[in-house]
C-alpha atoms as a PDB file:
ATOM      1  CA  MET A   1      26.143 -64.259  -0.815  1.00  0.00           C
ATOM      2  CA  PRO A   2      27.771 -63.698   2.541  1.00  0.00           C
ATOM      3  CA  PHE A   3      26.618 -60.017   2.636  1.00  0.00           C
ATOM      4  CA  LYS A   4      22.972 -60.605   1.833  1.00  0.00           C
ATOM      5  CA  TRP A   5      22.022 -60.482   5.535  1.00  0.00           C
ATOM      6  CA  MET A   6      23.724 -57.042   5.858  1.00  0.00           C
ATOM      7  CA  THR A   7      21.661 -55.275   3.221  1.00  0.00           C
ATOM      8  CA  PRO A   8      18.840 -54.156   5.550  1.00  0.00           C
ATOM      9  CA  PHE A   9      21.376 -53.105   8.177  1.00  0.00           C
ATOM     10  CA  ALA A  10      23.387 -51.188   5.606  1.00  0.00           C
ATOM     11  CA  VAL A  11      20.261 -49.353   4.504  1.00  0.00           C
ATOM     12  CA  LEU A  12      19.439 -48.449   8.113  1.00  0.00           C
ATOM     13  CA  ALA A  13      22.985 -47.273   8.706  1.00  0.00           C
ATOM     14  CA  VAL A  14      22.882 -45.024   5.649  1.00  0.00           C
ATOM     15  CA  MET A  15      19.493 -43.648   6.709  1.00  0.00           C
ATOM     16  CA  ALA A  16      20.798 -42.911  10.191  1.00  0.00           C
ATOM     17  CA  CYS A  17      23.575 -40.788   8.706  1.00  0.00           C
ATOM     18  CA  GLN A  18      21.175 -38.603   6.741  1.00  0.00           C
ATOM     19  CA  PRO A  19      20.265 -35.166   8.137  1.00  0.00           C
ATOM     20  CA  THR A  20      16.843 -34.962   9.677  1.00  0.00           C
ATOM     21  CA  PRO A  21      14.356 -33.055   7.565  1.00  0.00           C
ATOM     22  CA  THR A  22      13.564 -29.589   8.841  1.00  0.00           C
ATOM     23  CA  ALA A  23      10.850 -27.148   7.931  1.00  0.00           C
ATOM     24  CA  ALA A  24      11.791 -24.712   5.206  1.00  0.00           C
ATOM     25  CA  PRO A  25      12.510 -21.215   6.446  1.00  0.00           C
ATOM     26  CA  ARG A  26       9.341 -19.150   6.295  1.00  0.00           C
ATOM     27  CA  GLY A  27      10.897 -15.948   5.041  1.00  0.00           C
ATOM     28  CA  PRO A  28      10.752 -12.479   6.511  1.00  0.00           C
ATOM     29  CA  ASP A  29       7.557 -10.849   7.665  1.00  0.00           C
ATOM     30  CA  LEU A  30       6.039  -8.600   5.022  1.00  0.00           C
ATOM     31  CA  VAL A  31       3.225  -7.299   7.193  1.00  0.00           C
ATOM     32  CA  THR A  32       2.982  -7.174  10.972  1.00  0.00           C
ATOM     33  CA  VAL A  33      -0.458  -7.064  12.592  1.00  0.00           C
ATOM     34  CA  PHE A  34      -0.638  -5.925  16.211  1.00  0.00           C
ATOM     35  CA  GLY A  35      -2.903  -4.267  18.755  1.00  0.00           C
ATOM     36  CA  ALA A  36      -6.274  -5.722  19.696  1.00  0.00           C
ATOM     37  CA  ILE A  37      -5.645  -9.208  18.248  1.00  0.00           C
ATOM     38  CA  THR A  38      -5.773 -12.716  19.684  1.00  0.00           C
ATOM     39  CA  GLN A  39      -3.402 -14.612  17.356  1.00  0.00           C
ATOM     40  CA  THR A  40       0.288 -13.889  17.890  1.00  0.00           C
ATOM     41  CA  ASP A  41       3.569 -15.483  16.917  1.00  0.00           C
ATOM     42  CA  ARG A  42       6.043 -13.052  18.394  1.00  0.00           C
ATOM     43  CA  GLY A  43       6.710 -10.946  21.446  1.00  0.00           C
ATOM     44  CA  ALA A  44       7.365  -7.300  22.058  1.00  0.00           C
ATOM     45  CA  LEU A  45       8.904  -4.836  19.659  1.00  0.00           C
ATOM     46  CA  ASP A  46      12.677  -4.621  19.864  1.00  0.00           C
ATOM     47  CA  ALA A  47      13.336  -0.977  18.972  1.00  0.00           C
ATOM     48  CA  THR A  48      17.036  -1.661  18.405  1.00  0.00           C
ATOM     49  CA  ALA A  49      16.442  -4.484  15.915  1.00  0.00           C
ATOM     50  CA  GLU A  50      13.289  -2.945  14.406  1.00  0.00           C
ATOM     51  CA  PRO A  51      13.995   0.776  14.158  1.00  0.00           C
ATOM     52  CA  LEU A  52      11.348   1.530  11.528  1.00  0.00           C
ATOM     53  CA  PHE A  53       8.532   0.612  13.904  1.00  0.00           C
ATOM     54  CA  ALA A  54      10.126   2.684  16.644  1.00  0.00           C
ATOM     55  CA  SER A  55      10.752   5.695  14.397  1.00  0.00           C
ATOM     56  CA  TYR A  56       7.018   5.893  13.653  1.00  0.00           C
ATOM     57  CA  GLY A  57       6.047   5.449  17.298  1.00  0.00           C
ATOM     58  CA  LEU A  58       4.630   1.957  16.755  1.00  0.00           C
ATOM     59  CA  THR A  59       4.959  -0.230  19.827  1.00  0.00           C
ATOM     60  CA  PHE A  60       3.523  -3.577  20.797  1.00  0.00           C
ATOM     61  CA  GLU A  61       3.898  -6.312  23.376  1.00  0.00           C
ATOM     62  CA  ARG A  62       2.850  -9.054  20.972  1.00  0.00           C
ATOM     63  CA  ALA A  63       2.167  -9.239  17.260  1.00  0.00           C
ATOM     64  CA  LEU A  64       1.512 -11.506  14.305  1.00  0.00           C
ATOM     65  CA  GLY A  65       4.079 -11.384  11.527  1.00  0.00           C
ATOM     66  CA  LEU A  66       2.952 -12.597   8.121  1.00  0.00           C
ATOM     67  CA  SER A  67       5.412 -13.679   5.429  1.00  0.00           C
ATOM     68  CA  ALA A  68       4.704 -13.799   1.702  1.00  0.00           C
ATOM     69  CA  ASP A  69       4.131 -17.568   1.946  1.00  0.00           C
ATOM     70  CA  GLU A  70       1.666 -17.149   4.811  1.00  0.00           C
ATOM     71  CA  LEU A  71      -0.240 -14.385   3.018  1.00  0.00           C
ATOM     72  CA  ALA A  72      -0.391 -16.578  -0.111  1.00  0.00           C
ATOM     73  CA  ARG A  73      -2.338 -19.221   1.848  1.00  0.00           C
ATOM     74  CA  PHE A  74      -5.375 -16.948   2.022  1.00  0.00           C
ATOM     75  CA  GLU A  75      -7.874 -16.936  -0.822  1.00  0.00           C
ATOM     76  CA  THR A  76      -6.578 -14.510  -3.448  1.00  0.00           C
ATOM     77  CA  LEU A  77      -8.876 -12.021  -5.091  1.00  0.00           C
ATOM     78  CA  VAL A  78      -8.058 -10.090  -8.246  1.00  0.00           C
ATOM     79  CA  MET A  79      -9.388  -6.550  -8.658  1.00  0.00           C
ATOM     80  CA  THR A  80      -9.031  -4.635 -11.886  1.00  0.00           C
ATOM     81  CA  THR A  81      -9.288  -0.979 -11.040  1.00  0.00           C
ATOM     82  CA  ASP A  82      -7.713   2.394 -11.650  1.00  0.00           C
ATOM     83  CA  PHE A  83      -4.825   3.628  -9.584  1.00  0.00           C
ATOM     84  CA  PRO A  84      -4.178   6.444  -9.228  1.00  0.00           C
ATOM     85  CA  ALA A  85      -7.756   7.707  -9.530  1.00  0.00           C
ATOM     86  CA  GLU A  86      -8.770   8.064 -13.170  1.00  0.00           C
ATOM     87  CA  GLY A  87      -5.400   6.602 -14.156  1.00  0.00           C
ATOM     88  CA  PRO A  88      -4.668   3.357 -15.973  1.00  0.00           C
ATOM     89  CA  LEU A  89      -6.362   0.126 -14.995  1.00  0.00           C
ATOM     90  CA  HIS A  90      -4.268  -2.439 -13.138  1.00  0.00           C
ATOM     91  CA  ALA A  91      -5.016  -5.950 -11.914  1.00  0.00           C
ATOM     92  CA  PHE A  92      -4.227  -6.115  -8.189  1.00  0.00           C
ATOM     93  CA  ALA A  93      -4.202  -9.476  -6.390  1.00  0.00           C
ATOM     94  CA  GLY A  94      -4.102 -10.437  -2.731  1.00  0.00           C
ATOM     95  CA  PRO A  95      -6.173 -11.622   0.206  1.00  0.00           C
ATOM     96  CA  ARG A  96      -9.208  -9.825   1.583  1.00  0.00           C
ATOM     97  CA  LEU A  97      -8.133  -7.513   4.358  1.00  0.00           C
ATOM     98  CA  ARG A  98     -10.962  -8.816   6.531  1.00  0.00           C
ATOM     99  CA  ASP A  99      -9.682 -12.403   6.124  1.00  0.00           C
ATOM    100  CA  VAL A 100      -6.182 -11.424   7.249  1.00  0.00           C
ATOM    101  CA  LEU A 101      -7.576  -9.483  10.205  1.00  0.00           C
ATOM    102  CA  GLY A 102      -9.975 -12.328  11.028  1.00  0.00           C
ATOM    103  CA  PHE A 103      -7.048 -14.738  11.140  1.00  0.00           C
ATOM    104  CA  ALA A 104      -5.230 -12.357  13.495  1.00  0.00           C
ATOM    105  CA  GLY A 105      -8.329 -12.184  15.692  1.00  0.00           C
ATOM    106  CA  GLY A 106      -9.040  -8.541  15.026  1.00  0.00           C
ATOM    107  CA  ALA A 107     -11.719  -8.447  12.320  1.00  0.00           C
ATOM    108  CA  ALA A 108     -14.520  -5.906  12.346  1.00  0.00           C
ATOM    109  CA  GLN A 109     -12.463  -3.290  14.169  1.00  0.00           C
ATOM    110  CA  THR A 110     -10.996   0.009  13.017  1.00  0.00           C
ATOM    111  CA  ILE A 111      -7.386  -0.315  11.899  1.00  0.00           C
ATOM    112  CA  ARG A 112      -4.432   2.021  11.484  1.00  0.00           C
ATOM    113  CA  VAL A 113      -2.408   1.157   8.399  1.00  0.00           C
ATOM    114  CA  THR A 114       1.215   2.334   8.284  1.00  0.00           C
ATOM    115  CA  ALA A 115       3.352   2.579   5.157  1.00  0.00           C
ATOM    116  CA  LEU A 116       7.128   2.420   4.877  1.00  0.00           C
ATOM    117  CA  ASP A 117       7.262   6.214   4.399  1.00  0.00           C
ATOM    118  CA  GLY A 118       5.333   6.819   7.631  1.00  0.00           C
ATOM    119  CA  TYR A 119       1.994   7.582   5.967  1.00  0.00           C
ATOM    120  CA  GLN A 120      -0.871   6.374   8.156  1.00  0.00           C
ATOM    121  CA  ARG A 121      -4.595   6.030   7.654  1.00  0.00           C
ATOM    122  CA  ASP A 122      -7.294   4.934  10.059  1.00  0.00           C
ATOM    123  CA  ILE A 123      -9.762   2.716   8.202  1.00  0.00           C
ATOM    124  CA  PRO A 124     -13.141   1.985   9.800  1.00  0.00           C
ATOM    125  CA  ALA A 125     -14.164  -1.664   9.866  1.00  0.00           C
ATOM    126  CA  GLU A 126     -17.400  -0.867   8.037  1.00  0.00           C
ATOM    127  CA  ALA A 127     -15.422   0.384   5.043  1.00  0.00           C
ATOM    128  CA  TYR A 128     -13.065  -2.556   4.511  1.00  0.00           C
ATOM    129  CA  MET A 129     -15.746  -5.107   5.425  1.00  0.00           C
ATOM    130  CA  GLN A 130     -18.468  -3.677   3.172  1.00  0.00           C
ATOM    131  CA  HIS A 131     -16.263  -2.987   0.168  1.00  0.00           C
ATOM    132  CA  ASN A 132     -14.039  -6.101   0.288  1.00  0.00           C
ATOM    133  CA  ALA A 133     -10.747  -4.201   0.287  1.00  0.00           C
ATOM    134  CA  ILE A 134      -7.743  -6.390  -0.401  1.00  0.00           C
ATOM    135  CA  LEU A 135      -4.188  -6.383   0.855  1.00  0.00           C
ATOM    136  CA  ALA A 136      -2.640  -6.565  -2.601  1.00  0.00           C
ATOM    137  CA  LEU A 137       0.682  -8.349  -3.006  1.00  0.00           C
ATOM    138  CA  TYR A 138       0.721  -8.254  -6.833  1.00  0.00           C
ATOM    139  CA  GLN A 139       0.049  -5.686  -9.524  1.00  0.00           C
ATOM    140  CA  ASP A 140      -0.369  -6.909 -13.079  1.00  0.00           C
ATOM    141  CA  ASP A 141       0.995 -10.359 -12.102  1.00  0.00           C
ATOM    142  CA  GLN A 142       4.192  -8.884 -10.626  1.00  0.00           C
ATOM    143  CA  PRO A 143       4.975  -8.910  -6.892  1.00  0.00           C
ATOM    144  CA  LEU A 144       4.786  -5.476  -5.303  1.00  0.00           C
ATOM    145  CA  GLY A 145       8.364  -4.630  -4.448  1.00  0.00           C
ATOM    146  CA  ILE A 146       9.857  -2.360  -1.842  1.00  0.00           C
ATOM    147  CA  GLY A 147      10.671   0.918  -3.510  1.00  0.00           C
ATOM    148  CA  GLY A 148       7.531   0.563  -5.607  1.00  0.00           C
ATOM    149  CA  ARG A 149       4.125  -0.075  -4.040  1.00  0.00           C
ATOM    150  CA  GLY A 150       5.158  -2.984  -1.839  1.00  0.00           C
ATOM    151  CA  PRO A 151       5.468  -4.985   0.179  1.00  0.00           C
ATOM    152  CA  ALA A 152       1.661  -4.717   0.296  1.00  0.00           C
ATOM    153  CA  MET A 153      -1.000  -2.229  -0.745  1.00  0.00           C
ATOM    154  CA  LEU A 154      -4.526  -1.548   0.433  1.00  0.00           C
ATOM    155  CA  VAL A 155      -6.696  -1.705  -2.709  1.00  0.00           C
ATOM    156  CA  TRP A 156     -10.396  -0.949  -3.074  1.00  0.00           C
ATOM    157  CA  PRO A 157     -12.835  -2.108  -5.813  1.00  0.00           C
ATOM    158  CA  ARG A 158     -13.347   1.434  -7.117  1.00  0.00           C
ATOM    159  CA  GLY A 159     -13.915   0.142 -10.643  1.00  0.00           C
ATOM    160  CA  THR A 160     -16.749  -2.232  -9.746  1.00  0.00           C
ATOM    161  CA  ASP A 161     -18.323  -0.753  -6.598  1.00  0.00           C
ATOM    162  CA  PRO A 162     -20.485   2.283  -7.515  1.00  0.00           C
ATOM    163  CA  ALA A 163     -20.297   3.558  -3.923  1.00  0.00           C
ATOM    164  CA  LEU A 164     -16.557   4.119  -4.469  1.00  0.00           C
ATOM    165  CA  ASP A 165     -16.765   5.936  -7.836  1.00  0.00           C
ATOM    166  CA  ALA A 166     -15.645   9.274  -6.361  1.00  0.00           C
ATOM    167  CA  MET A 167     -13.187   7.756  -3.869  1.00  0.00           C
ATOM    168  CA  SER A 168      -9.908   9.623  -3.520  1.00  0.00           C
ATOM    169  CA  ASP A 169      -6.583   7.803  -3.254  1.00  0.00           C
ATOM    170  CA  ASP A 170      -6.142   8.714   0.435  1.00  0.00           C
ATOM    171  CA  ASP A 171      -7.130   5.225   1.662  1.00  0.00           C
ATOM    172  CA  TRP A 172      -5.100   3.433  -1.025  1.00  0.00           C
ATOM    173  CA  VAL A 173      -2.101   2.946   1.218  1.00  0.00           C
ATOM    174  CA  PHE A 174       0.932   1.438  -0.487  1.00  0.00           C
ATOM    175  CA  GLY A 175       4.169   0.316   1.111  1.00  0.00           C
ATOM    176  CA  VAL A 176       2.094  -1.267   3.912  1.00  0.00           C
ATOM    177  CA  PHE A 177       4.229  -3.002   6.527  1.00  0.00           C
ATOM    178  CA  ALA A 178       2.180  -2.581   9.720  1.00  0.00           C
ATOM    179  CA  ILE A 179      -1.501  -2.816  10.611  1.00  0.00           C
ATOM    180  CA  GLU A 180      -2.614  -1.890  14.094  1.00  0.00           C
ATOM    181  CA  VAL A 181      -6.006  -3.175  15.174  1.00  0.00           C
ATOM    182  CA  LEU A 182      -7.408  -0.415  17.356  1.00  0.00           C
ATOM    183  CA  PRO A 183      -9.392  -1.265  20.479  1.00  0.00           C
ATOM    184  CA  ASP A 184     -13.151  -0.733  20.355  1.00  0.00           C
END
């Protein structure tokens, strides 16, 4: 029993040699929110490192980047609706757009949504607030992928909101990667 007194010391020595736990990497940003916002986690656009933003004339001094994990922390809504208009029904899932914008500090303001192909739409706050539009990350239980409708898609409750029965697909922006909150 001569080593019995060393047991606690041996345990401490082994613990001291272990790597310190670090936070798991958060993953790349899927959607960047910028403009008239109060919450930011990054600085100015680097046009050399982020050429897609620059090629569409998007610039910012500060922004909020949201990864898939961060977007998954919002309450998820599921909307079953047709897309394209009068096409097949799909179940789209994701957070309310107003919740994401509220988190960024830019809710209840007009936004400019930009897709990977450069398509842009200005969406008045009244529209996305009143109709509970979502920033869909899933379609029919599958993540929206780049090259399809991802990384995110602006989806409206056309199937359940009578005011949207005749809505065209113009405001159903897919391939969303940037949302600019426009100043009042």
